[in-house]
Amino acid sequence: MVGKLTPDDIISASVVPALLGYSKYMTRNQLLERCIAAAEGTFVDTFTGNEATFWGNELEPVILKVAAERLGLQNFRDDFPAAYSHPTLRMACSLDGLGEGRGTISTDEDRGIFLMNADTIDLTGPVIVESKATRSHSESRPPYDRGPLQLQAQMMCTGHKVGAIATLYQGLDLRLFVYAADPDIQSQIAEAVVDFERRKADVDFYPVESSDDAASAYSTVDNDAPELDLSRDEDVADALRELVEARADKGASEARIDAAQATIMEYMGAHPKAKGLVGNRSYQVTRPMRSYNAKPERIVPPKDAYTVRQKTLTIKEI
């Protein structure tokens, strides 16, 4: 196996679920923030893997070998020195496996073969195989964030028309989900990539989904920006009232607080200060940058000084 082949500053097939809003691990704004940072040369990928990714990598050669045998693929390979780039879109992909198929297949559950978007599929020609290992229970259709969207993007980048997701469930049940190219899904991906590139160039973030998402979308402060009046926008004024009342209510759900914070954060953008009314009381809302001093080495390695924008709003009655 080789390391990451696709650039960090453009959409890769593996992050297409996040691009279309289907990822459980990354929002569209977090993806956009990462690609903007990569384009500026400031992105550092700190993910070093975990137990699940370790076993996924260890089992990948076995999963690919058995998948190729069950599909009858010839000239199968699982080594690729470079990524595949889409001819017109700013999108690239890497592949786990690729072989030459022949003949027509249909669903054969006894052999773990499931056709996803056609009753029969002609395998003649190149067939992409994407390897997955999961602790989830076996299923008859994988979720969008476990291969289907990634596979369609891989087809777009390579020009191939057929692919399979080889998923090993709980280490004991291998299922092959076979797809033909889907023009409708591929059109959605293409439109999303074009919109993403525009947003990246304009630094135009998506509507926020949570306060964490807002923290990604508006991660810096313009200290010269004027103070905003939250009362000018009815939805934001309602969010401020909701936030003040929710914080006052110790039993309020975190979801209620988070939704209100996200609305106000999105409205404030890069502004460090705002004010608003809740009833007949006036509140000042601040979201400044927070500085952390350098720390000497103790048990953990030393940390350099750094500054980030705080992820919660400070509210004070005035």
Protein backbone atom coordinates (compact mmCIF):
# COMPACT_ATOMS: atom_id res chain seq x y z
CA MET A 1 0.00 0.00 0.00
CA VAL A 2 1.03 3.60 -0.57
CA GLY A 3 0.24 6.78 1.27
CA LYS A 4 -2.25 9.45 0.32
CA LEU A 5 -2.10 10.23 -3.40
CA THR A 6 -4.77 12.90 -3.88
CA PRO A 7 -4.15 16.63 -3.22
CA ASP A 8 -5.55 18.12 0.00
CA ASP A 9 -6.77 21.35 -1.61
CA ILE A 10 -9.38 19.80 -3.95
CA ILE A 11 -12.21 17.33 -3.64
CA SER A 12 -11.13 13.70 -3.55
CA ALA A 13 -13.54 10.83 -4.05
CA SER A 14 -13.25 9.81 -0.40
CA VAL A 15 -14.68 13.14 0.85
CA VAL A 16 -17.59 13.32 -1.62
CA PRO A 17 -19.98 12.08 1.13
CA ALA A 18 -19.01 15.14 3.19
CA LEU A 19 -19.37 17.37 0.12
CA LEU A 20 -22.96 16.19 -0.35
CA GLY A 21 -23.78 16.33 3.37
CA TYR A 22 -23.79 12.60 4.14
CA SER A 23 -20.69 12.27 6.33
CA LYS A 24 -21.03 11.57 10.05
CA TYR A 25 -17.49 12.81 10.67
CA MET A 26 -17.11 16.03 8.67
CA THR A 27 -19.43 18.87 7.69
CA ARG A 28 -19.25 20.72 4.39
CA ASN A 29 -17.82 23.77 6.14
CA GLN A 30 -15.13 21.71 7.85
CA LEU A 31 -14.23 20.25 4.46
CA LEU A 32 -14.15 23.73 2.92
CA GLU A 33 -12.03 25.08 5.78
CA ARG A 34 -9.55 22.22 5.32
CA CYS A 35 -9.23 22.73 1.56
CA ILE A 36 -8.79 26.50 1.94
CA ALA A 37 -6.04 25.91 4.50
CA ALA A 38 -4.39 23.37 2.19
CA ALA A 39 -4.47 25.86 -0.69
CA GLU A 40 -2.82 28.42 1.59
CA GLY A 41 -0.22 25.90 2.76
CA THR A 42 -1.37 25.92 6.39
CA PHE A 43 -3.23 22.61 6.60
CA VAL A 44 -1.68 19.89 8.76
CA ASP A 45 -3.39 16.51 8.84
CA THR A 46 -3.13 15.32 12.44
CA PHE A 47 -5.11 12.09 12.00
CA THR A 48 -2.74 9.16 12.49
CA GLY A 49 -5.29 6.35 12.37
CA ASN A 50 -7.02 4.16 14.94
CA GLU A 51 -7.79 0.49 15.55
CA ALA A 52 -10.49 0.44 12.88
CA THR A 53 -8.28 1.99 10.18
CA PHE A 54 -5.41 -0.30 11.17
CA TRP A 55 -7.45 -3.45 10.58
CA GLY A 56 -8.99 -1.98 7.46
CA ASN A 57 -5.51 -1.53 6.01
CA GLU A 58 -4.30 -4.94 7.18
CA LEU A 59 -7.30 -6.77 5.72
CA GLU A 60 -7.48 -4.79 2.48
CA PRO A 61 -5.28 -7.14 0.40
CA VAL A 62 -7.35 -10.16 1.48
CA ILE A 63 -10.66 -8.37 0.82
CA LEU A 64 -9.51 -7.31 -2.65
CA LYS A 65 -8.17 -10.78 -3.53
CA VAL A 66 -11.41 -12.55 -2.64
CA ALA A 67 -13.55 -9.84 -4.31
CA ALA A 68 -11.60 -10.21 -7.56
CA GLU A 69 -12.00 -13.98 -7.46
CA ARG A 70 -15.75 -13.86 -6.85
CA LEU A 71 -16.26 -11.33 -9.66
CA GLY A 72 -13.97 -13.25 -12.00
CA LEU A 73 -11.68 -10.28 -12.62
CA GLN A 74 -8.49 -10.79 -14.61
CA ASN A 75 -5.21 -8.82 -14.55
CA PHE A 76 -6.17 -7.53 -11.11
CA ARG A 77 -3.91 -4.95 -9.50
CA ASP A 78 -3.89 -3.14 -6.18
CA ASP A 79 -0.86 -0.90 -6.61
CA PHE A 80 -1.27 2.59 -8.07
CA PRO A 81 1.63 5.04 -8.08
CA ALA A 82 -0.49 8.12 -8.76
CA ALA A 83 -3.98 9.51 -8.35
CA TYR A 84 -6.52 9.81 -11.17
CA SER A 85 -7.67 13.35 -11.96
CA HIS A 86 -10.99 14.29 -13.52
CA PRO A 87 -10.46 15.77 -17.00
CA THR A 88 -12.50 18.93 -16.35
CA LEU A 89 -13.45 19.11 -12.65
CA ARG A 90 -11.15 19.91 -9.72
CA MET A 91 -11.53 16.40 -8.36
CA ALA A 92 -9.21 13.40 -8.01
CA CYS A 93 -9.32 9.87 -6.68
CA SER A 94 -7.12 6.98 -5.69
CA LEU A 95 -8.11 3.33 -6.19
CA ASP A 96 -7.84 0.25 -4.00
CA GLY A 97 -8.16 -2.25 -6.82
CA LEU A 98 -8.83 -2.55 -10.56
CA GLY A 99 -9.36 -5.57 -12.78
CA GLU A 100 -10.76 -6.65 -16.14
CA GLY A 101 -14.21 -8.18 -16.10
CA ARG A 102 -16.15 -10.16 -18.64
CA GLY A 103 -19.74 -11.25 -19.03
CA THR A 104 -22.96 -10.21 -17.36
CA ILE A 105 -23.78 -10.80 -13.70
CA SER A 106 -26.86 -10.56 -11.53
CA THR A 107 -27.43 -10.66 -7.77
CA ASP A 108 -26.15 -13.87 -6.17
CA GLU A 109 -26.61 -13.66 -2.40
CA ASP A 110 -25.02 -17.08 -1.82
CA ARG A 111 -21.74 -15.63 -3.14
CA GLY A 112 -22.32 -12.28 -1.46
CA ILE A 113 -22.92 -10.39 -4.73
CA PHE A 114 -25.57 -7.65 -4.69
CA LEU A 115 -26.39 -5.48 -7.73
CA MET A 116 -27.38 -2.02 -6.53
CA ASN A 117 -28.74 -0.02 -9.48
CA ALA A 118 -29.58 -2.57 -12.19
CA ASP A 119 -30.99 -6.07 -12.51
CA THR A 120 -27.96 -7.15 -14.54
CA ILE A 121 -24.60 -5.46 -15.11
CA ASP A 122 -22.09 -6.14 -17.87
CA LEU A 123 -18.66 -6.41 -16.27
CA THR A 124 -16.82 -6.40 -19.60
CA GLY A 125 -13.96 -3.91 -19.31
CA PRO A 126 -12.31 -2.23 -16.29
CA VAL A 127 -13.98 -2.83 -12.91
CA ILE A 128 -13.07 -0.71 -9.87
CA VAL A 129 -13.02 -2.43 -6.47
CA GLU A 130 -13.17 -0.34 -3.29
CA SER A 131 -12.30 -2.16 -0.05
CA LYS A 132 -14.16 -1.51 3.21
CA ALA A 133 -14.08 -3.17 6.63
CA THR A 134 -16.69 -2.30 9.24
CA ARG A 135 -17.89 -3.39 12.66
CA SER A 136 -21.48 -2.75 11.53
CA HIS A 137 -23.90 -5.62 11.04
CA SER A 138 -24.35 -7.00 7.52
CA GLU A 139 -26.73 -5.08 5.29
CA SER A 140 -28.20 -5.37 1.81
CA ARG A 141 -27.39 -1.78 0.84
CA PRO A 142 -24.45 0.27 2.15
CA PRO A 143 -25.05 3.85 3.35
CA TYR A 144 -23.91 6.72 1.15
CA ASP A 145 -20.95 7.45 3.40
CA ARG A 146 -19.54 3.92 3.12
CA GLY A 147 -18.65 3.71 -0.54
CA PRO A 148 -21.49 4.43 -3.02
CA LEU A 149 -20.75 8.14 -3.54
CA GLN A 150 -16.99 7.55 -3.42
CA LEU A 151 -17.32 4.85 -6.09
CA GLN A 152 -19.34 7.08 -8.44
CA ALA A 153 -16.68 9.80 -8.06
CA GLN A 154 -13.96 7.23 -8.83
CA MET A 155 -15.80 6.30 -12.02
CA MET A 156 -15.97 9.98 -12.97
CA CYS A 157 -12.22 10.42 -12.50
CA THR A 158 -11.18 7.23 -14.29
CA GLY A 159 -13.86 7.09 -16.99
CA HIS A 160 -14.72 3.50 -15.99
CA LYS A 161 -18.37 2.45 -15.98
CA VAL A 162 -18.58 -0.32 -13.37
CA GLY A 163 -17.37 -0.69 -9.80
CA ALA A 164 -17.86 -2.74 -6.67
CA ILE A 165 -17.66 -1.99 -2.96
CA ALA A 166 -16.18 -5.03 -1.20
CA THR A 167 -17.30 -4.70 2.43
CA LEU A 168 -16.21 -7.10 5.16
CA TYR A 169 -18.72 -7.02 8.02
CA GLN A 170 -17.44 -7.83 11.52
CA GLY A 171 -14.58 -9.82 10.04
CA LEU A 172 -16.77 -12.68 8.83
CA ASP A 173 -19.19 -11.66 6.06
CA LEU A 174 -17.86 -10.27 2.76
CA ARG A 175 -20.44 -8.60 0.53
CA LEU A 176 -19.83 -7.18 -2.94
CA PHE A 177 -22.08 -4.27 -3.87
CA VAL A 178 -21.85 -3.77 -7.63
CA TYR A 179 -22.80 -0.48 -9.28
CA ALA A 180 -23.04 0.77 -12.82
CA ALA A 181 -22.27 4.44 -13.46
CA ASP A 182 -25.23 6.57 -12.31
CA PRO A 183 -25.63 9.75 -14.45
CA ASP A 184 -27.97 11.44 -11.95
CA ILE A 185 -25.66 10.98 -8.95
CA GLN A 186 -22.60 11.89 -11.00
CA SER A 187 -24.36 15.08 -12.13
CA GLN A 188 -25.04 15.99 -8.48
CA ILE A 189 -21.38 15.39 -7.64
CA ALA A 190 -20.21 17.53 -10.56
CA GLU A 191 -22.49 20.43 -9.59
CA ALA A 192 -21.36 20.19 -5.96
CA VAL A 193 -17.68 20.24 -6.97
CA VAL A 194 -18.17 23.34 -9.14
CA ASP A 195 -20.03 25.10 -6.30
CA PHE A 196 -17.34 24.03 -3.83
CA GLU A 197 -14.58 25.55 -5.98
CA ARG A 198 -16.52 28.82 -6.19
CA ARG A 199 -16.98 28.86 -2.43
CA LYS A 200 -13.30 28.11 -1.93
CA ALA A 201 -12.27 30.99 -4.20
CA ASP A 202 -14.74 33.42 -2.59
CA VAL A 203 -14.31 32.03 0.96
CA ASP A 204 -18.10 31.65 0.97
CA PHE A 205 -19.09 29.10 3.61
CA TYR A 206 -22.23 26.98 3.57
CA PRO A 207 -25.16 27.66 5.94
CA VAL A 208 -23.97 26.35 9.30
CA GLU A 209 -25.32 23.16 10.85
CA SER A 210 -24.12 23.60 14.45
CA SER A 211 -21.93 25.85 16.58
CA ASP A 212 -18.94 23.58 15.85
CA ASP A 213 -19.70 24.02 12.16
CA ALA A 214 -19.91 27.79 12.66
CA ALA A 215 -16.54 27.68 14.40
CA SER A 216 -15.08 26.21 11.21
CA ALA A 217 -16.86 28.64 8.90
CA TYR A 218 -15.95 31.78 10.87
CA SER A 219 -12.67 30.93 12.59
CA THR A 220 -11.07 34.40 12.60
CA VAL A 221 -11.98 37.88 13.85
CA ASP A 222 -11.93 41.19 11.99
CA ASN A 223 -11.21 43.52 14.91
CA ASP A 224 -12.05 46.55 12.76
CA ALA A 225 -15.57 45.32 12.02
CA PRO A 226 -18.31 47.37 13.70
CA GLU A 227 -20.53 46.00 16.44
CA LEU A 228 -23.68 44.38 15.06
CA ASP A 229 -27.23 44.91 16.29
CA LEU A 230 -28.78 41.44 16.56
CA SER A 231 -32.24 43.00 16.96
CA ARG A 232 -32.21 44.01 13.28
CA ASP A 233 -32.75 40.39 12.21
CA GLU A 234 -35.85 38.72 13.60
CA ASP A 235 -34.45 35.18 13.41
CA VAL A 236 -31.20 36.17 15.08
CA ALA A 237 -33.04 38.16 17.76
CA ASP A 238 -35.12 35.06 18.45
CA ALA A 239 -31.92 32.99 18.64
CA LEU A 240 -30.44 35.39 21.20
CA ARG A 241 -33.58 35.16 23.32
CA GLU A 242 -33.51 31.38 23.00
CA LEU A 243 -29.84 31.26 24.01
CA VAL A 244 -30.25 33.54 27.03
CA GLU A 245 -33.32 31.63 28.24
CA ALA A 246 -31.74 28.23 27.57
CA ARG A 247 -28.59 29.10 29.50
CA ALA A 248 -30.70 30.38 32.36
CA ASP A 249 -32.59 27.12 32.41
CA LYS A 250 -30.14 24.58 33.85
CA GLY A 251 -32.21 21.75 32.50
CA ALA A 252 -32.17 23.04 28.91
CA SER A 253 -30.91 20.60 26.32
CA GLU A 254 -27.49 21.14 24.79
CA ALA A 255 -29.11 20.91 21.36
CA ARG A 256 -31.25 23.99 22.08
CA ILE A 257 -28.20 26.02 23.15
CA ASP A 258 -26.13 24.79 20.21
CA ALA A 259 -28.78 25.67 17.60
CA ALA A 260 -29.16 29.20 18.98
CA GLN A 261 -25.39 29.73 19.12
CA ALA A 262 -24.99 28.51 15.55
CA THR A 263 -27.58 31.00 14.26
CA ILE A 264 -25.90 33.94 16.01
CA MET A 265 -22.37 32.82 15.00
CA GLU A 266 -23.40 32.64 11.37
CA TYR A 267 -24.95 36.12 11.52
CA MET A 268 -21.87 37.59 13.23
CA GLY A 269 -19.41 36.04 10.79
CA ALA A 270 -16.03 37.66 11.43
CA HIS A 271 -17.47 40.42 13.68
CA PRO A 272 -16.10 40.19 17.23
CA LYS A 273 -19.00 41.99 18.95
CA ALA A 274 -22.77 42.32 18.69
CA LYS A 275 -25.65 43.43 20.87
CA GLY A 276 -29.33 42.60 21.08
CA LEU A 277 -32.48 42.82 23.15
CA VAL A 278 -34.23 40.07 25.06
CA GLY A 279 -37.43 41.56 26.40
CA ASN A 280 -36.47 44.92 27.89
CA ARG A 281 -32.90 43.85 28.62
CA SER A 282 -29.92 44.56 26.41
CA TYR A 283 -27.14 42.01 25.93
CA GLN A 284 -23.68 42.28 24.46
CA VAL A 285 -22.42 39.20 22.60
CA THR A 286 -18.68 38.74 21.99
CA ARG A 287 -16.72 36.07 20.16
CA PRO A 288 -13.06 37.17 20.23
CA MET A 289 -9.86 35.32 19.50
CA ARG A 290 -8.39 33.55 22.53
CA SER A 291 -4.62 33.35 23.06
CA TYR A 292 -2.83 30.51 24.81
CA ASN A 293 0.61 30.86 26.30
CA ALA A 294 3.43 28.51 25.39
CA LYS A 295 3.68 25.60 27.82
CA PRO A 296 6.92 24.10 29.13
CA GLU A 297 7.52 20.39 28.68
CA ARG A 298 6.17 18.24 31.48
CA ILE A 299 4.82 14.75 30.89
CA VAL A 300 3.46 15.70 27.46
CA PRO A 301 5.52 17.43 24.73
CA PRO A 302 5.68 21.25 24.92
CA LYS A 303 3.15 23.36 23.03
CA ASP A 304 3.88 26.52 21.08
CA ALA A 305 1.76 29.60 21.70
CA TYR A 306 -1.27 29.80 19.41
CA THR A 307 -4.47 31.78 18.91
CA VAL A 308 -7.88 30.44 17.90
CA ARG A 309 -11.36 31.85 17.96
CA GLN A 310 -13.40 30.61 20.92
CA LYS A 311 -16.18 28.17 20.04
CA THR A 312 -18.84 29.57 22.37
CA LEU A 313 -20.40 33.02 22.70
CA THR A 314 -19.79 35.19 25.76
CA ILE A 315 -23.02 36.93 26.77
CA LYS A 316 -23.24 39.69 29.38
CA GLU A 317 -26.22 41.77 30.30
CA ILE A 318 -25.55 45.49 29.77
